[in-house]
């Protein structure tokens, strides 16, 4: 355990940041789940709307350092590909 005043403060700060980051990650996952749920229903319009809502959240998590930019790109790419498949099936 930390025994200097500075080290104790860093422990407090690290815990505060950990909780905040966990909250942000949870919010990100929720938005991604909303898109996948919309894709599962088969409604292309709803899925596209959900993706439009989720995209800025995903990008914001990258800028805050919560997730890596490649992970964000992968999520956006895969979700977009699923929505395009729904559009092709509908056509």
PDB file of N, CA and C in Angstrom:
ATOM      1  N   UNK A   1       0.853  -1.192   0.000  1.00  0.00           N
ATOM      2  CA  UNK A   1       0.000   0.000   0.000  1.00  0.00           C
ATOM      3  C   UNK A   1       0.887   1.240   0.000  1.00  0.00           C
ATOM      4  N   UNK A   2       0.363   2.285  -0.603  1.00  0.00           N
ATOM      5  CA  UNK A   2       1.101   3.546  -0.676  1.00  0.00           C
ATOM      6  C   UNK A   2       1.276   4.134   0.714  1.00  0.00           C
ATOM      7  N   UNK A   3       2.472   4.686   0.959  1.00  0.00           N
ATOM      8  CA  UNK A   3       2.694   5.242   2.294  1.00  0.00           C
ATOM      9  C   UNK A   3       3.110   6.715   2.267  1.00  0.00           C
ATOM     10  N   UNK A   4       3.197   7.321   1.104  1.00  0.00           N
ATOM     11  CA  UNK A   4       3.454   8.755   1.062  1.00  0.00           C
ATOM     12  C   UNK A   4       2.157   9.462   0.683  1.00  0.00           C
ATOM     13  N   UNK A   5       2.090  10.719   1.013  1.00  0.00           N
ATOM     14  CA  UNK A   5       0.880  11.494   0.729  1.00  0.00           C
ATOM     15  C   UNK A   5       0.597  11.528  -0.777  1.00  0.00           C
ATOM     16  N   UNK A   6       1.650  11.730  -1.561  1.00  0.00           N
ATOM     17  CA  UNK A   6       1.507  11.787  -3.015  1.00  0.00           C
ATOM     18  C   UNK A   6       1.027  10.448  -3.571  1.00  0.00           C
ATOM     19  N   UNK A   7       1.592   9.362  -3.078  1.00  0.00           N
ATOM     20  CA  UNK A   7       1.218   8.034  -3.564  1.00  0.00           C
ATOM     21  C   UNK A   7      -0.234   7.713  -3.210  1.00  0.00           C
ATOM     22  N   UNK A   8      -0.670   8.134  -2.027  1.00  0.00           N
ATOM     23  CA  UNK A   8      -2.063   7.903  -1.619  1.00  0.00           C
ATOM     24  C   UNK A   8      -3.012   8.680  -2.531  1.00  0.00           C
ATOM     25  N   UNK A   9      -2.628   9.895  -2.869  1.00  0.00           N
ATOM     26  CA  UNK A   9      -3.458  10.692  -3.772  1.00  0.00           C
ATOM     27  C   UNK A   9      -3.538  10.039  -5.150  1.00  0.00           C
ATOM     28  N   UNK A  10      -2.420   9.533  -5.646  1.00  0.00           N
ATOM     29  CA  UNK A  10      -2.416   8.871  -6.951  1.00  0.00           C
ATOM     30  C   UNK A  10      -3.326   7.632  -6.941  1.00  0.00           C
ATOM     31  N   UNK A  11      -3.356   6.926  -5.816  1.00  0.00           N
ATOM     32  CA  UNK A  11      -4.246   5.764  -5.706  1.00  0.00           C
ATOM     33  C   UNK A  11      -5.696   6.213  -5.808  1.00  0.00           C
ATOM     34  N   UNK A  12      -6.033   7.310  -5.111  1.00  0.00           N
ATOM     35  CA  UNK A  12      -7.400   7.842  -5.179  1.00  0.00           C
ATOM     36  C   UNK A  12      -7.751   8.278  -6.603  1.00  0.00           C
ATOM     37  N   UNK A  13      -6.823   8.965  -7.248  1.00  0.00           N
ATOM     38  CA  UNK A  13      -7.075   9.433  -8.607  1.00  0.00           C
ATOM     39  C   UNK A  13      -7.226   8.266  -9.584  1.00  0.00           C
ATOM     40  N   UNK A  14      -6.380   7.265  -9.429  1.00  0.00           N
ATOM     41  CA  UNK A  14      -6.430   6.109 -10.328  1.00  0.00           C
ATOM     42  C   UNK A  14      -7.776   5.395 -10.210  1.00  0.00           C
ATOM     43  N   UNK A  15      -8.280   5.271  -8.995  1.00  0.00           N
ATOM     44  CA  UNK A  15      -9.574   4.619  -8.781  1.00  0.00           C
ATOM     45  C   UNK A  15     -10.701   5.442  -9.400  1.00  0.00           C
ATOM     46  N   UNK A  16     -10.623   6.750  -9.239  1.00  0.00           N
ATOM     47  CA  UNK A  16     -11.638   7.637  -9.817  1.00  0.00           C
ATOM     48  C   UNK A  16     -11.634   7.529 -11.350  1.00  0.00           C
ATOM     49  N   UNK A  17     -10.435   7.541 -11.953  1.00  0.00           N
ATOM     50  CA  UNK A  17     -10.331   7.411 -13.403  1.00  0.00           C
ATOM     51  C   UNK A  17     -10.799   6.037 -13.877  1.00  0.00           C
ATOM     52  N   UNK A  18     -10.490   5.002 -13.109  1.00  0.00           N
ATOM     53  CA  UNK A  18     -10.896   3.641 -13.482  1.00  0.00           C
ATOM     54  C   UNK A  18     -12.418   3.536 -13.540  1.00  0.00           C
ATOM     55  N   UNK A  19     -13.091   4.102 -12.511  1.00  0.00           N
ATOM     56  CA  UNK A  19     -14.546   4.065 -12.489  1.00  0.00           C
ATOM     57  C   UNK A  19     -15.146   4.860 -13.647  1.00  0.00           C
ATOM     58  N   UNK A  20     -14.577   6.013 -13.936  1.00  0.00           N
ATOM     59  CA  UNK A  20     -15.073   6.839 -15.040  1.00  0.00           C
ATOM     60  C   UNK A  20     -14.889   6.125 -16.377  1.00  0.00           C
ATOM     61  N   UNK A  21     -13.715   5.551 -16.585  1.00  0.00           N
ATOM     62  CA  UNK A  21     -13.444   4.840 -17.832  1.00  0.00           C
ATOM     63  C   UNK A  21     -14.364   3.631 -17.992  1.00  0.00           C
ATOM     64  N   UNK A  22     -14.632   2.932 -16.878  1.00  0.00           N
ATOM     65  CA  UNK A  22     -15.523   1.775 -16.928  1.00  0.00           C
ATOM     66  C   UNK A  22     -16.929   2.218 -17.333  1.00  0.00           C
ATOM     67  N   UNK A  23     -17.358   3.350 -16.834  1.00  0.00           N
ATOM     68  CA  UNK A  23     -18.671   3.895 -17.185  1.00  0.00           C
ATOM     69  C   UNK A  23     -18.730   4.234 -18.668  1.00  0.00           C
ATOM     70  N   UNK A  24     -17.672   4.852 -19.177  1.00  0.00           N
ATOM     71  CA  UNK A  24     -17.625   5.214 -20.592  1.00  0.00           C
ATOM     72  C   UNK A  24     -17.631   3.967 -21.483  1.00  0.00           C
ATOM     73  N   UNK A  25     -16.869   2.937 -21.086  1.00  0.00           N
ATOM     74  CA  UNK A  25     -16.834   1.678 -21.844  1.00  0.00           C
ATOM     75  C   UNK A  25     -18.208   1.022 -21.854  1.00  0.00           C
ATOM     76  N   UNK A  26     -18.890   1.078 -20.713  1.00  0.00           N
ATOM     77  CA  UNK A  26     -20.228   0.499 -20.609  1.00  0.00           C
ATOM     78  C   UNK A  26     -21.202   1.218 -21.534  1.00  0.00           C
ATOM     79  N   UNK A  27     -21.116   2.542 -21.566  1.00  0.00           N
ATOM     80  CA  UNK A  27     -21.978   3.321 -22.444  1.00  0.00           C
ATOM     81  C   UNK A  27     -21.708   2.952 -23.912  1.00  0.00           C
ATOM     82  N   UNK A  28     -20.442   2.814 -24.266  1.00  0.00           N
ATOM     83  CA  UNK A  28     -20.069   2.434 -25.623  1.00  0.00           C
ATOM     84  C   UNK A  28     -20.681   1.085 -25.989  1.00  0.00           C
ATOM     85  N   UNK A  29     -20.534   0.121 -25.113  1.00  0.00           N
ATOM     86  CA  UNK A  29     -21.071  -1.218 -25.374  1.00  0.00           C
ATOM     87  C   UNK A  29     -22.584  -1.180 -25.532  1.00  0.00           C
ATOM     88  N   UNK A  30     -23.254  -0.339 -24.734  1.00  0.00           N
ATOM     89  CA  UNK A  30     -24.709  -0.224 -24.819  1.00  0.00           C
ATOM     90  C   UNK A  30     -25.130   0.287 -26.188  1.00  0.00           C
ATOM     91  N   UNK A  31     -24.448   1.310 -26.688  1.00  0.00           N
ATOM     92  CA  UNK A  31     -24.780   1.839 -28.011  1.00  0.00           C
ATOM     93  C   UNK A  31     -24.543   0.797 -29.094  1.00  0.00           C
ATOM     94  N   UNK A  32     -23.453   0.048 -28.985  1.00  0.00           N
ATOM     95  CA  UNK A  32     -23.171  -1.000 -29.976  1.00  0.00           C
ATOM     96  C   UNK A  32     -24.240  -2.090 -29.918  1.00  0.00           C
ATOM     97  N   UNK A  33     -24.680  -2.442 -28.707  1.00  0.00           N
ATOM     98  CA  UNK A  33     -25.727  -3.449 -28.554  1.00  0.00           C
ATOM     99  C   UNK A  33     -27.046  -2.971 -29.145  1.00  0.00           C
ATOM    100  N   UNK A  34     -27.330  -1.671 -29.042  1.00  0.00           N
ATOM    101  CA  UNK A  34     -28.557  -1.132 -29.633  1.00  0.00           C
ATOM    102  C   UNK A  34     -28.543  -1.310 -31.146  1.00  0.00           C
ATOM    103  N   UNK A  35     -27.382  -1.096 -31.756  1.00  0.00           N
ATOM    104  CA  UNK A  35     -27.268  -1.262 -33.206  1.00  0.00           C
ATOM    105  C   UNK A  35     -27.436  -2.727 -33.577  1.00  0.00           C
ATOM    106  N   UNK A  36     -26.766  -3.615 -32.852  1.00  0.00           N
ATOM    107  CA  UNK A  36     -26.877  -5.045 -33.180  1.00  0.00           C
ATOM    108  C   UNK A  36     -28.296  -5.551 -32.958  1.00  0.00           C
ATOM    109  N   UNK A  37     -28.980  -5.017 -31.949  1.00  0.00           N
ATOM    110  CA  UNK A  37     -30.371  -5.414 -31.714  1.00  0.00           C
ATOM    111  C   UNK A  37     -31.254  -4.947 -32.864  1.00  0.00           C
ATOM    112  N   UNK A  38     -30.996  -3.744 -33.357  1.00  0.00           N
ATOM    113  CA  UNK A  38     -31.766  -3.237 -34.493  1.00  0.00           C
ATOM    114  C   UNK A  38     -31.486  -4.059 -35.750  1.00  0.00           C
ATOM    115  N   UNK A  39     -30.252  -4.488 -35.911  1.00  0.00           N
ATOM    116  CA  UNK A  39     -29.897  -5.338 -37.060  1.00  0.00           C
ATOM    117  C   UNK A  39     -30.609  -6.681 -36.938  1.00  0.00           C
ATOM    118  N   UNK A  40     -30.685  -7.207 -35.724  1.00  0.00           N
ATOM    119  CA  UNK A  40     -31.324  -8.505 -35.498  1.00  0.00           C
ATOM    120  C   UNK A  40     -32.815  -8.468 -35.822  1.00  0.00           C
ATOM    121  N   UNK A  41     -33.453  -7.314 -35.626  1.00  0.00           N
ATOM    122  CA  UNK A  41     -34.879  -7.221 -35.953  1.00  0.00           C
ATOM    123  C   UNK A  41     -35.106  -7.246 -37.450  1.00  0.00           C
ATOM    124  N   UNK A  42     -34.078  -6.863 -38.217  1.00  0.00           N
ATOM    125  CA  UNK A  42     -34.189  -6.891 -39.663  1.00  0.00           C
ATOM    126  C   UNK A  42     -34.668  -5.586 -40.266  1.00  0.00           C
ATOM    127  N   UNK A  43     -34.887  -4.582 -39.437  1.00  0.00           N
ATOM    128  CA  UNK A  43     -35.338  -3.280 -39.922  1.00  0.00           C
ATOM    129  C   UNK A  43     -34.125  -2.431 -40.286  1.00  0.00           C
ATOM    130  N   UNK A  44     -33.897  -2.236 -41.577  1.00  0.00           N
ATOM    131  CA  UNK A  44     -32.693  -1.539 -42.047  1.00  0.00           C
ATOM    132  C   UNK A  44     -32.712  -0.080 -41.642  1.00  0.00           C
ATOM    133  N   UNK A  45     -33.868   0.557 -41.682  1.00  0.00           N
ATOM    134  CA  UNK A  45     -33.973   1.981 -41.362  1.00  0.00           C
ATOM    135  C   UNK A  45     -33.642   2.237 -39.889  1.00  0.00           C
ATOM    136  N   UNK A  46     -34.185   1.431 -39.003  1.00  0.00           N
ATOM    137  CA  UNK A  46     -33.907   1.568 -37.572  1.00  0.00           C
ATOM    138  C   UNK A  46     -32.444   1.298 -37.272  1.00  0.00           C
ATOM    139  N   UNK A  47     -31.896   0.283 -37.921  1.00  0.00           N
ATOM    140  CA  UNK A  47     -30.488  -0.058 -37.718  1.00  0.00           C
ATOM    141  C   UNK A  47     -29.580   1.079 -38.168  1.00  0.00           C
ATOM    142  N   UNK A  48     -29.900   1.692 -39.305  1.00  0.00           N
ATOM    143  CA  UNK A  48     -29.091   2.799 -39.811  1.00  0.00           C
ATOM    144  C   UNK A  48     -29.158   3.993 -38.864  1.00  0.00           C
ATOM    145  N   UNK A  49     -30.343   4.256 -38.322  1.00  0.00           N
ATOM    146  CA  UNK A  49     -30.500   5.350 -37.360  1.00  0.00           C
ATOM    147  C   UNK A  49     -29.689   5.081 -36.096  1.00  0.00           C
ATOM    148  N   UNK A  50     -29.739   3.849 -35.630  1.00  0.00           N
ATOM    149  CA  UNK A  50     -28.976   3.474 -34.426  1.00  0.00           C
ATOM    150  C   UNK A  50     -27.480   3.636 -34.661  1.00  0.00           C
ATOM    151  N   UNK A  51     -27.036   3.274 -35.856  1.00  0.00           N
ATOM    152  CA  UNK A  51     -25.613   3.416 -36.186  1.00  0.00           C
ATOM    153  C   UNK A  51     -25.213   4.886 -36.229  1.00  0.00           C
ATOM    154  N   UNK A  52     -26.083   5.726 -36.743  1.00  0.00           N
ATOM    155  CA  UNK A  52     -25.796   7.165 -36.780  1.00  0.00           C
ATOM    156  C   UNK A  52     -25.667   7.735 -35.370  1.00  0.00           C
ATOM    157  N   UNK A  53     -26.434   7.205 -34.430  1.00  0.00           N
ATOM    158  CA  UNK A  53     -26.337   7.639 -33.035  1.00  0.00           C
ATOM    159  C   UNK A  53     -25.062   7.107 -32.390  1.00  0.00           C
ATOM    160  N   UNK A  54     -24.684   5.898 -32.742  1.00  0.00           N
ATOM    161  CA  UNK A  54     -23.542   5.244 -32.098  1.00  0.00           C
ATOM    162  C   UNK A  54     -22.201   5.733 -32.617  1.00  0.00           C
ATOM    163  N   UNK A  55     -22.133   6.134 -33.881  1.00  0.00           N
ATOM    164  CA  UNK A  55     -20.861   6.518 -34.493  1.00  0.00           C
ATOM    165  C   UNK A  55     -20.143   7.648 -33.746  1.00  0.00           C
ATOM    166  N   UNK A  56     -20.813   8.752 -33.410  1.00  0.00           N
ATOM    167  CA  UNK A  56     -20.091   9.799 -32.672  1.00  0.00           C
ATOM    168  C   UNK A  56     -19.636   9.346 -31.282  1.00  0.00           C
ATOM    169  N   UNK A  57     -20.395   8.453 -30.658  1.00  0.00           N
ATOM    170  CA  UNK A  57     -20.012   7.934 -29.341  1.00  0.00           C
ATOM    171  C   UNK A  57     -18.735   7.107 -29.483  1.00  0.00           C
ATOM    172  N   UNK A  58     -18.689   6.265 -30.508  1.00  0.00           N
ATOM    173  CA  UNK A  58     -17.507   5.440 -30.743  1.00  0.00           C
ATOM    174  C   UNK A  58     -16.291   6.328 -30.980  1.00  0.00           C
ATOM    175  N   UNK A  59     -16.479   7.349 -31.812  1.00  0.00           N
ATOM    176  CA  UNK A  59     -15.368   8.262 -32.109  1.00  0.00           C
ATOM    177  C   UNK A  59     -14.921   9.030 -30.867  1.00  0.00           C
ATOM    178  N   UNK A  60     -15.867   9.403 -30.021  1.00  0.00           N
ATOM    179  CA  UNK A  60     -15.534  10.134 -28.801  1.00  0.00           C
ATOM    180  C   UNK A  60     -14.712   9.263 -27.850  1.00  0.00           C
ATOM    181  N   UNK A  61     -15.021   7.976 -27.790  1.00  0.00           N
ATOM    182  CA  UNK A  61     -14.267   7.082 -26.915  1.00  0.00           C
ATOM    183  C   UNK A  61     -12.821   6.939 -27.397  1.00  0.00           C
ATOM    184  N   UNK A  62     -12.624   7.037 -28.710  1.00  0.00           N
ATOM    185  CA  UNK A  62     -11.262   7.004 -29.256  1.00  0.00           C
ATOM    186  C   UNK A  62     -10.510   8.251 -28.822  1.00  0.00           C
ATOM    187  N   UNK A  63     -11.147   9.402 -28.962  1.00  0.00           N
ATOM    188  CA  UNK A  63     -10.461  10.656 -28.624  1.00  0.00           C
ATOM    189  C   UNK A  63     -10.157  10.749 -27.141  1.00  0.00           C
ATOM    190  N   UNK A  64     -10.966  10.095 -26.306  1.00  0.00           N
ATOM    191  CA  UNK A  64     -10.722  10.100 -24.858  1.00  0.00           C
ATOM    192  C   UNK A  64      -9.731   9.015 -24.435  1.00  0.00           C
ATOM    193  N   UNK A  65      -9.374   8.140 -25.377  1.00  0.00           N
ATOM    194  CA  UNK A  65      -8.403   7.102 -25.063  1.00  0.00           C
ATOM    195  C   UNK A  65      -9.003   5.877 -24.401  1.00  0.00           C
ATOM    196  N   UNK A  66     -10.329   5.738 -24.475  1.00  0.00           N
ATOM    197  CA  UNK A  66     -10.988   4.588 -23.856  1.00  0.00           C
ATOM    198  C   UNK A  66     -10.747   3.328 -24.683  1.00  0.00           C
ATOM    199  N   UNK A  67     -10.825   3.470 -26.020  1.00  0.00           N
ATOM    200  CA  UNK A  67     -10.546   2.345 -26.909  1.00  0.00           C
ATOM    201  C   UNK A  67      -9.564   2.804 -27.989  1.00  0.00           C
ATOM    202  N   UNK A  68      -8.971   1.846 -28.662  1.00  0.00           N
ATOM    203  CA  UNK A  68      -8.006   2.131 -29.726  1.00  0.00           C
ATOM    204  C   UNK A  68      -8.752   2.495 -31.002  1.00  0.00           C
ATOM    205  N   UNK A  69      -8.149   3.305 -31.842  1.00  0.00           N
ATOM    206  CA  UNK A  69      -8.804   3.762 -33.073  1.00  0.00           C
ATOM    207  C   UNK A  69      -9.103   2.613 -34.015  1.00  0.00           C
ATOM    208  N   UNK A  70      -8.258   1.594 -34.033  1.00  0.00           N
ATOM    209  CA  UNK A  70      -8.502   0.453 -34.914  1.00  0.00           C
ATOM    210  C   UNK A  70      -9.716  -0.351 -34.453  1.00  0.00           C
ATOM    211  N   UNK A  71      -9.900  -0.449 -33.152  1.00  0.00           N
ATOM    212  CA  UNK A  71     -11.066  -1.146 -32.620  1.00  0.00           C
ATOM    213  C   UNK A  71     -12.337  -0.403 -33.002  1.00  0.00           C
ATOM    214  N   UNK A  72     -12.292   0.923 -32.919  1.00  0.00           N
ATOM    215  CA  UNK A  72     -13.446   1.731 -33.300  1.00  0.00           C
ATOM    216  C   UNK A  72     -13.761   1.551 -34.776  1.00  0.00           C
ATOM    217  N   UNK A  73     -12.726   1.584 -35.604  1.00  0.00           N
ATOM    218  CA  UNK A  73     -12.918   1.412 -37.041  1.00  0.00           C
ATOM    219  C   UNK A  73     -13.497   0.032 -37.345  1.00  0.00           C
ATOM    220  N   UNK A  74     -13.033  -0.968 -36.631  1.00  0.00           N
ATOM    221  CA  UNK A  74     -13.522  -2.339 -36.832  1.00  0.00           C
ATOM    222  C   UNK A  74     -15.004  -2.434 -36.492  1.00  0.00           C
ATOM    223  N   UNK A  75     -15.405  -1.851 -35.354  1.00  0.00           N
ATOM    224  CA  UNK A  75     -16.813  -1.876 -34.956  1.00  0.00           C
ATOM    225  C   UNK A  75     -17.685  -1.175 -35.999  1.00  0.00           C
ATOM    226  N   UNK A  76     -17.272   0.022 -36.391  1.00  0.00           N
ATOM    227  CA  UNK A  76     -18.067   0.789 -37.350  1.00  0.00           C
ATOM    228  C   UNK A  76     -18.160   0.055 -38.687  1.00  0.00           C
ATOM    229  N   UNK A  77     -17.065  -0.527 -39.121  1.00  0.00           N
ATOM    230  CA  UNK A  77     -17.037  -1.235 -40.395  1.00  0.00           C
ATOM    231  C   UNK A  77     -17.960  -2.452 -40.375  1.00  0.00           C
ATOM    232  N   UNK A  78     -17.868  -3.238 -39.339  1.00  0.00           N
ATOM    233  CA  UNK A  78     -18.680  -4.453 -39.262  1.00  0.00           C
ATOM    234  C   UNK A  78     -20.164  -4.132 -39.149  1.00  0.00           C
ATOM    235  N   UNK A  79     -20.498  -3.127 -38.337  1.00  0.00           N
ATOM    236  CA  UNK A  79     -21.904  -2.758 -38.194  1.00  0.00           C
ATOM    237  C   UNK A  79     -22.456  -2.224 -39.517  1.00  0.00           C
ATOM    238  N   UNK A  80     -21.660  -1.416 -40.205  1.00  0.00           N
ATOM    239  CA  UNK A  80     -22.077  -0.878 -41.501  1.00  0.00           C
ATOM    240  C   UNK A  80     -22.286  -2.010 -42.513  1.00  0.00           C
ATOM    241  N   UNK A  81     -21.386  -2.991 -42.501  1.00  0.00           N
ATOM    242  CA  UNK A  81     -21.510  -4.124 -43.421  1.00  0.00           C
ATOM    243  C   UNK A  81     -22.790  -4.912 -43.155  1.00  0.00           C
ATOM    244  N   UNK A  82     -23.143  -5.102 -41.877  1.00  0.00           N
ATOM    245  CA  UNK A  82     -24.380  -5.815 -41.538  1.00  0.00           C
ATOM    246  C   UNK A  82     -25.603  -5.047 -42.036  1.00  0.00           C
ATOM    247  N   UNK A  83     -25.560  -3.727 -41.880  1.00  0.00           N
ATOM    248  CA  UNK A  83     -26.697  -2.916 -42.320  1.00  0.00           C
ATOM    249  C   UNK A  83     -26.820  -2.942 -43.851  1.00  0.00           C
ATOM    250  N   UNK A  84     -25.691  -2.940 -44.537  1.00  0.00           N
ATOM    251  CA  UNK A  84     -25.736  -3.038 -46.005  1.00  0.00           C
ATOM    252  C   UNK A  84     -26.322  -4.371 -46.454  1.00  0.00           C
ATOM    253  N   UNK A  85     -26.016  -5.438 -45.724  1.00  0.00           N
ATOM    254  CA  UNK A  85     -26.584  -6.740 -46.057  1.00  0.00           C
ATOM    255  C   UNK A  85     -28.102  -6.712 -45.897  1.00  0.00           C
ATOM    256  N   UNK A  86     -28.586  -6.014 -44.857  1.00  0.00           N
ATOM    257  CA  UNK A  86     -30.026  -5.907 -44.658  1.00  0.00           C
ATOM    258  C   UNK A  86     -30.665  -5.175 -45.847  1.00  0.00           C
ATOM    259  N   UNK A  87     -29.997  -4.132 -46.327  1.00  0.00           N
ATOM    260  CA  UNK A  87     -30.522  -3.376 -47.464  1.00  0.00           C
ATOM    261  C   UNK A  87     -30.569  -4.242 -48.720  1.00  0.00           C
ATOM    262  N   UNK A  88     -29.552  -5.070 -48.908  1.00  0.00           N
ATOM    263  CA  UNK A  88     -29.525  -5.956 -50.078  1.00  0.00           C
ATOM    264  C   UNK A  88     -30.633  -7.003 -50.018  1.00  0.00           C
ATOM    265  N   UNK A  89     -30.873  -7.520 -48.815  1.00  0.00           N
ATOM    266  CA  UNK A  89     -31.936  -8.513 -48.653  1.00  0.00           C
ATOM    267  C   UNK A  89     -33.298  -7.888 -48.931  1.00  0.00           C
ATOM    268  N   UNK A  90     -33.471  -6.632 -48.508  1.00  0.00           N
ATOM    269  CA  UNK A  90     -34.747  -5.953 -48.711  1.00  0.00           C
ATOM    270  C   UNK A  90     -34.991  -5.638 -50.183  1.00  0.00           C
ATOM    271  N   UNK A  91     -33.912  -5.435 -50.919  1.00  0.00           N
ATOM    272  CA  UNK A  91     -34.062  -5.050 -52.340  1.00  0.00           C
ATOM    273  C   UNK A  91     -34.303  -6.241 -53.238  1.00  0.00           C
TER     274      UNK A  91
END
